[in-house]
């Protein structure tokens, strides 16, 4: 057993050494072997032997590569290791909040059920923090959630609601209060809209990361809510979604991947049914794939969507494309 422990530790150290040299391919070999030994023997790494940031990097690589996923997730929970990147969806965050297309809170991947009336204000606070990117000043939150309260009464209402929200989420550390600001602790809380927003601002986002972000966008932000602080963030995310879907589709078209580009635009239409740009590009993709009937149907679908939702018709540019397809 002692030899197994030593081998386990050595292999992880070797993996870390290869990572420091920038050789991920060679790092995966000892990482896979070491974690297999750890899983088979249920080894738990002593906290004093490993720097948390080193462990975070190693275990993130393991999850990205599908190595001993269940065991790796158990190590993360046991050591309370914070993620180095929120783009890794398989990281076992204690709290996961979904706001795009639906509102749902998962505690250790189990849906949180709450009484609608008694938890209304704590959930409003949670949603408001999401709408402000995971961090907001106390004064802004008070103005939005308690506009008719003043002074000490308003601050007491915020403190009471924060206490109730922390209790609801079952993690005192989930929401921090410092220098009159409230913020999510990124080591405990994962929010789909915030991760989507981060990827949207990456100037060098790869097609893979863009596709992953688009997959998180399953509808508008906090659908059904109508507060100003919701609408502002909703419009911003929608614009980001349209931009990223266009970027990805353009990259696919440039590489001659017309089928993949068409799939991208179809999915974008499901999320944003009145974004004419995606119908236009989809018609072009279908034309390049010699699928003329589907291209013509796409125009009819666009016309119906625009009339139903906005009371307008397609643009002249898209109508001209339709006429060209008919004449072809």
Protein backbone atom coordinates (compact mmCIF):
# COMPACT_ATOMS: atom_id res chain seq x y z
CA UNK A 1 0.00 0.00 0.00
CA UNK A 2 2.84 2.38 0.85
CA UNK A 3 4.41 1.70 -2.55
CA UNK A 4 1.06 2.38 -4.21
CA UNK A 5 0.74 5.71 -2.38
CA UNK A 6 4.27 6.66 -3.41
CA UNK A 7 3.57 5.68 -7.01
CA UNK A 8 0.34 7.66 -6.93
CA UNK A 9 2.10 10.77 -5.67
CA UNK A 10 5.03 10.38 -8.05
CA UNK A 11 2.81 10.05 -11.12
CA UNK A 12 0.87 13.21 -10.24
CA UNK A 13 4.14 15.09 -9.64
CA UNK A 14 5.38 13.89 -13.02
CA UNK A 15 2.16 15.07 -14.66
CA UNK A 16 2.56 18.47 -13.03
CA UNK A 17 6.18 18.69 -14.24
CA UNK A 18 5.14 18.05 -17.84
CA UNK A 19 2.41 20.68 -17.55
CA UNK A 20 4.94 23.23 -16.30
CA UNK A 21 6.92 22.55 -19.47
CA UNK A 22 3.79 23.05 -21.54
CA UNK A 23 3.59 19.45 -22.75
CA UNK A 24 -0.02 18.46 -22.12
CA UNK A 25 0.17 15.30 -24.23
CA UNK A 26 2.94 13.81 -22.06
CA UNK A 27 1.27 15.07 -18.87
CA UNK A 28 -1.86 13.06 -19.62
CA UNK A 29 0.01 9.74 -19.48
CA UNK A 30 1.14 9.86 -15.82
CA UNK A 31 -2.03 11.76 -14.86
CA UNK A 32 -4.24 8.99 -16.18
CA UNK A 33 -2.10 6.27 -14.54
CA UNK A 34 -1.89 8.08 -11.20
CA UNK A 35 -5.59 8.84 -10.93
CA UNK A 36 -6.42 5.25 -11.85
CA UNK A 37 -4.32 4.08 -8.88
CA UNK A 38 -5.95 6.70 -6.67
CA UNK A 39 -9.42 5.61 -7.72
CA UNK A 40 -8.71 1.91 -7.24
CA UNK A 41 -7.38 2.54 -3.71
CA UNK A 42 -9.60 5.50 -2.81
CA UNK A 43 -6.58 7.64 -1.95
CA UNK A 44 -7.16 11.12 -0.55
CA UNK A 45 -4.42 13.69 -1.11
CA UNK A 46 -3.16 15.31 2.11
CA UNK A 47 -3.76 19.07 2.01
CA UNK A 48 -0.24 19.94 3.16
CA UNK A 49 1.42 18.14 0.27
CA UNK A 50 -0.29 19.91 -2.60
CA UNK A 51 -0.81 23.54 -3.46
CA UNK A 52 -4.54 24.06 -4.22
CA UNK A 53 -3.78 25.89 -7.49
CA UNK A 54 -1.64 22.97 -8.69
CA UNK A 55 -4.37 20.50 -7.83
CA UNK A 56 -6.96 22.68 -9.52
CA UNK A 57 -4.96 22.69 -12.76
CA UNK A 58 -4.31 18.93 -12.69
CA UNK A 59 -7.87 17.96 -11.84
CA UNK A 60 -9.32 20.38 -14.41
CA UNK A 61 -7.19 18.71 -17.07
CA UNK A 62 -8.43 15.30 -15.90
CA UNK A 63 -12.07 16.39 -16.18
CA UNK A 64 -11.48 17.95 -19.60
CA UNK A 65 -9.95 14.66 -20.75
CA UNK A 66 -12.61 12.44 -19.16
CA UNK A 67 -10.13 10.79 -16.77
CA UNK A 68 -11.63 9.13 -13.65
CA UNK A 69 -14.35 11.77 -13.56
CA UNK A 70 -16.27 10.52 -10.51
CA UNK A 71 -13.09 10.08 -8.46
CA UNK A 72 -11.72 13.47 -9.53
CA UNK A 73 -14.96 15.19 -8.57
CA UNK A 74 -14.79 13.51 -5.15
CA UNK A 75 -11.24 14.83 -4.65
CA UNK A 76 -12.40 18.34 -5.51
CA UNK A 77 -15.21 18.14 -2.95
CA UNK A 78 -13.02 16.63 -0.23
CA UNK A 79 -10.33 19.28 -0.61
CA UNK A 80 -12.73 22.16 -1.38
CA UNK A 81 -10.64 22.99 -4.44
CA UNK A 82 -11.71 26.07 -6.34
CA UNK A 83 -11.95 25.93 -10.12
CA UNK A 84 -9.46 27.86 -12.22
CA UNK A 85 -12.01 28.30 -14.99
CA UNK A 86 -15.80 28.48 -14.98
CA UNK A 87 -16.00 27.21 -18.55
CA UNK A 88 -15.51 23.62 -17.30
CA UNK A 89 -19.08 22.47 -16.77
CA UNK A 90 -18.12 19.10 -15.25
CA UNK A 91 -16.45 20.80 -12.26
CA UNK A 92 -18.57 19.92 -9.18
CA UNK A 93 -19.68 23.36 -8.03
CA UNK A 94 -21.77 23.17 -4.85
CA UNK A 95 -24.23 25.68 -6.32
CA UNK A 96 -25.26 25.95 -9.96
CA UNK A 97 -27.72 28.60 -11.10
CA UNK A 98 -29.44 28.42 -14.50
CA UNK A 99 -30.98 31.64 -15.80
CA UNK A 100 -30.99 31.22 -19.59
CA UNK A 101 -34.28 29.80 -20.80
CA UNK A 102 -35.24 28.77 -17.28
CA UNK A 103 -34.58 29.62 -13.67
CA UNK A 104 -33.29 26.73 -11.62
CA UNK A 105 -30.90 26.28 -8.69
CA UNK A 106 -29.01 23.03 -8.13
CA UNK A 107 -27.31 22.20 -4.83
CA UNK A 108 -24.75 19.46 -5.46
CA UNK A 109 -26.63 18.77 -8.71
CA UNK A 110 -29.97 18.28 -6.89
CA UNK A 111 -32.72 20.78 -7.84
CA UNK A 112 -33.60 23.17 -5.05
CA UNK A 113 -37.29 23.27 -4.21
CA UNK A 114 -38.61 26.30 -2.39
CA UNK A 115 -41.92 27.72 -1.27
CA UNK A 116 -42.74 30.47 -3.73
CA UNK A 117 -44.08 32.99 -1.22
CA UNK A 118 -41.66 32.58 1.68
CA UNK A 119 -38.53 32.64 -0.52
CA UNK A 120 -39.55 35.37 -2.96
CA UNK A 121 -37.21 38.10 -1.67
CA UNK A 122 -34.08 35.92 -1.29
CA UNK A 123 -34.58 34.64 -4.84
CA UNK A 124 -35.02 38.20 -6.10
CA UNK A 125 -31.68 39.03 -4.50
CA UNK A 126 -30.10 36.00 -6.19
CA UNK A 127 -31.52 37.00 -9.58
CA UNK A 128 -30.45 40.61 -9.11
CA UNK A 129 -26.86 39.57 -8.39
CA UNK A 130 -26.91 37.45 -11.55
CA UNK A 131 -28.17 40.42 -13.57
CA UNK A 132 -25.28 42.57 -12.32
CA UNK A 133 -22.64 40.05 -13.30
CA UNK A 134 -22.27 38.40 -9.89
CA UNK A 135 -21.33 41.58 -8.01
CA UNK A 136 -23.27 44.67 -6.98
CA UNK A 137 -23.10 47.45 -4.40
CA UNK A 138 -25.48 47.39 -1.46
CA UNK A 139 -26.94 50.73 -2.52
CA UNK A 140 -27.78 49.48 -6.01
CA UNK A 141 -29.42 46.33 -4.65
CA UNK A 142 -31.44 48.35 -2.14
CA UNK A 143 -32.59 50.77 -4.85
CA UNK A 144 -33.76 47.88 -7.01
CA UNK A 145 -35.32 45.62 -4.39
CA UNK A 146 -36.44 48.04 -1.66
CA UNK A 147 -37.11 51.32 -3.50
CA UNK A 148 -39.57 52.51 -0.83
CA UNK A 149 -37.25 51.87 2.15
CA UNK A 150 -34.66 54.26 3.49
CA UNK A 151 -31.57 54.27 5.70
CA UNK A 152 -31.18 51.65 8.40
CA UNK A 153 -34.46 49.92 7.54
CA UNK A 154 -33.31 49.28 3.97
CA UNK A 155 -29.90 48.00 5.04
CA UNK A 156 -31.49 45.73 7.64
CA UNK A 157 -33.84 44.34 5.00
CA UNK A 158 -30.84 43.56 2.78
CA UNK A 159 -28.91 41.87 5.61
CA UNK A 160 -31.95 39.78 6.58
CA UNK A 161 -32.57 38.74 2.98
CA UNK A 162 -28.89 37.88 2.49
CA UNK A 163 -28.98 35.68 5.59
CA UNK A 164 -32.07 33.90 4.28
CA UNK A 165 -30.48 33.42 0.84
CA UNK A 166 -27.29 31.94 2.30
CA UNK A 167 -29.40 29.59 4.40
CA UNK A 168 -31.45 28.63 1.34
CA UNK A 169 -28.27 27.86 -0.62
CA UNK A 170 -26.84 25.94 2.34
CA UNK A 171 -23.44 27.65 2.01
CA UNK A 172 -22.53 30.61 4.17
CA UNK A 173 -19.54 31.36 1.90
CA UNK A 174 -21.58 31.37 -1.31
CA UNK A 175 -22.21 35.13 -1.23
CA UNK A 176 -19.57 37.48 0.15
CA UNK A 177 -20.13 40.93 1.63
CA UNK A 178 -17.12 43.23 1.62
CA UNK A 179 -16.68 47.01 1.38
CA UNK A 180 -20.45 47.39 0.95
CA UNK A 181 -20.46 45.06 -2.05
CA UNK A 182 -22.14 41.69 -2.42
CA UNK A 183 -20.62 39.10 -4.75
CA UNK A 184 -20.74 35.42 -5.54
CA UNK A 185 -17.80 33.34 -4.40
CA UNK A 186 -16.67 31.79 -7.71
CA UNK A 187 -15.41 28.74 -5.86
CA UNK A 188 -18.94 27.90 -4.75
CA UNK A 189 -21.31 29.40 -7.33
CA UNK A 190 -21.57 28.73 -11.08
CA UNK A 191 -24.06 30.78 -13.12
CA UNK A 192 -24.71 29.97 -16.78
CA UNK A 193 -25.33 33.59 -17.85
CA UNK A 194 -22.14 34.83 -16.18
CA UNK A 195 -20.00 32.18 -17.85
CA UNK A 196 -21.68 32.95 -21.17
CA UNK A 197 -20.95 36.66 -20.66
CA UNK A 198 -17.28 35.95 -19.88
CA UNK A 199 -16.75 33.90 -23.04
CA UNK A 200 -18.49 36.58 -25.10
CA UNK A 201 -15.84 39.08 -24.01
CA UNK A 202 -12.86 36.87 -24.88
CA UNK A 203 -11.14 38.39 -27.93
CA UNK A 204 -9.42 35.10 -28.79
CA UNK A 205 -12.27 32.68 -28.06
CA UNK A 206 -11.87 29.43 -30.00
CA UNK A 207 -14.68 27.88 -32.07
CA UNK A 208 -14.96 25.17 -29.40
CA UNK A 209 -15.39 27.67 -26.57
CA UNK A 210 -17.86 29.70 -28.63
CA UNK A 211 -19.90 26.57 -29.36
CA UNK A 212 -19.90 25.65 -25.69
CA UNK A 213 -21.10 29.12 -24.74
CA UNK A 214 -23.85 28.98 -27.36
CA UNK A 215 -24.97 25.66 -25.89
CA UNK A 216 -25.49 27.37 -22.51
CA UNK A 217 -27.82 29.92 -24.10
CA UNK A 218 -31.13 28.05 -24.06
CA UNK A 219 -33.35 31.10 -24.10
CA UNK A 220 -33.53 34.65 -22.85
CA UNK A 221 -32.27 35.69 -19.42
CA UNK A 222 -34.84 35.15 -16.64
CA UNK A 223 -37.75 34.73 -19.02
CA UNK A 224 -40.97 36.11 -17.57
CA UNK A 225 -39.26 38.72 -15.37
CA UNK A 226 -39.83 42.35 -16.33
CA UNK A 227 -37.74 44.45 -13.90
CA UNK A 228 -35.43 47.02 -15.51
CA UNK A 229 -32.33 45.33 -14.10
CA UNK A 230 -33.43 42.10 -15.79
CA UNK A 231 -34.21 43.68 -19.15
CA UNK A 232 -30.86 45.45 -19.43
CA UNK A 233 -28.83 42.29 -18.91
CA UNK A 234 -31.24 40.27 -21.06
CA UNK A 235 -30.74 42.61 -24.03
CA UNK A 236 -26.97 42.55 -23.58
CA UNK A 237 -26.83 38.74 -23.51
CA UNK A 238 -29.12 38.49 -26.51
CA UNK A 239 -26.83 40.79 -28.51
CA UNK A 240 -23.83 38.72 -27.43
CA UNK A 241 -25.56 35.52 -28.48
CA UNK A 242 -26.35 36.88 -31.93
CA UNK A 243 -22.75 38.08 -32.30
CA UNK A 244 -21.20 34.78 -31.22
CA UNK A 245 -23.53 32.65 -33.33
CA UNK A 246 -22.68 34.83 -36.33
CA UNK A 247 -18.94 34.53 -35.58
CA UNK A 248 -19.13 30.76 -35.34
CA UNK A 249 -21.28 30.41 -38.45
CA UNK A 250 -18.94 32.65 -40.43
CA UNK A 251 -15.90 30.60 -39.37
CA UNK A 252 -17.63 27.39 -40.42
CA UNK A 253 -18.63 28.87 -43.77
CA UNK A 254 -15.10 30.10 -44.40
CA UNK A 255 -13.86 26.54 -43.85
CA UNK A 256 -16.44 25.15 -46.24
CA UNK A 257 -18.36 23.41 -43.47
CA UNK A 258 -21.78 24.30 -44.83
CA UNK A 259 -23.62 21.51 -43.03
CA UNK A 260 -22.17 22.54 -39.65
CA UNK A 261 -22.90 26.20 -40.39
CA UNK A 262 -26.50 25.33 -41.21
CA UNK A 263 -26.82 23.46 -37.92
CA UNK A 264 -25.40 26.48 -36.10
CA UNK A 265 -27.95 28.83 -37.69
CA UNK A 266 -30.84 26.43 -37.06
CA UNK A 267 -29.99 26.30 -33.38
CA UNK A 268 -29.64 30.07 -33.29
CA UNK A 269 -33.11 30.43 -34.79
CA UNK A 270 -34.56 28.25 -32.05
CA UNK A 271 -33.08 30.58 -29.44
CA UNK A 272 -33.76 33.83 -31.32
CA UNK A 273 -36.73 33.22 -33.65
CA UNK A 274 -36.86 36.77 -35.05
CA UNK A 275 -33.14 37.25 -35.79
CA UNK A 276 -33.34 37.61 -39.59
CA UNK A 277 -29.58 37.32 -40.02
CA UNK A 278 -29.65 33.61 -39.16
CA UNK A 279 -32.44 32.82 -41.64
CA UNK A 280 -30.56 34.67 -44.37
CA UNK A 281 -27.32 32.79 -43.73
CA UNK A 282 -29.21 29.49 -43.41
CA UNK A 283 -30.77 30.04 -46.85
CA UNK A 284 -27.28 30.57 -48.29
CA UNK A 285 -25.99 27.39 -46.63
CA UNK A 286 -28.89 25.36 -47.99
CA UNK A 287 -28.25 26.77 -51.45
CA UNK A 288 -24.60 25.73 -51.25
CA UNK A 289 -25.73 22.26 -50.17
CA UNK A 290 -28.17 22.06 -53.13
CA UNK A 291 -31.11 21.94 -50.73
CA UNK A 292 -33.22 24.52 -52.54
CA UNK A 293 -36.58 23.41 -51.10
CA UNK A 294 -35.35 23.83 -47.54
CA UNK A 295 -33.91 27.25 -48.39
CA UNK A 296 -37.31 28.37 -49.70
CA UNK A 297 -39.07 26.97 -46.65
CA UNK A 298 -36.65 28.89 -44.42
CA UNK A 299 -37.81 32.14 -46.02
CA UNK A 300 -41.45 31.24 -45.39
CA UNK A 301 -40.59 30.43 -41.79
CA UNK A 302 -38.89 33.81 -41.41
CA UNK A 303 -41.83 35.67 -42.89
CA UNK A 304 -44.25 33.95 -40.50
CA UNK A 305 -42.01 34.62 -37.47
CA UNK A 306 -41.59 38.30 -38.28
CA UNK A 307 -45.29 38.84 -38.90
CA UNK A 308 -46.33 36.95 -35.77
CA UNK A 309 -43.86 38.62 -33.39
CA UNK A 310 -43.14 42.03 -34.89
CA UNK A 311 -45.81 42.70 -37.50
CA UNK A 312 -43.25 43.28 -40.26
CA UNK A 313 -41.91 41.42 -43.29
CA UNK A 314 -38.41 40.27 -44.29
CA UNK A 315 -35.82 42.82 -45.45
CA UNK A 316 -35.30 43.62 -49.10
CA UNK A 317 -31.96 41.79 -49.09
CA UNK A 318 -33.47 38.54 -47.86
CA UNK A 319 -36.44 38.88 -50.21
CA UNK A 320 -34.07 39.29 -53.17
CA UNK A 321 -32.21 36.15 -52.12
CA UNK A 322 -35.55 34.32 -52.02
CA UNK A 323 -36.42 35.49 -55.53
CA UNK A 324 -33.02 34.32 -56.84
CA UNK A 325 -33.61 30.89 -55.32
CA UNK A 326 -37.04 30.66 -56.95
CA UNK A 327 -35.57 31.60 -60.33
CA UNK A 328 -32.65 29.17 -60.02
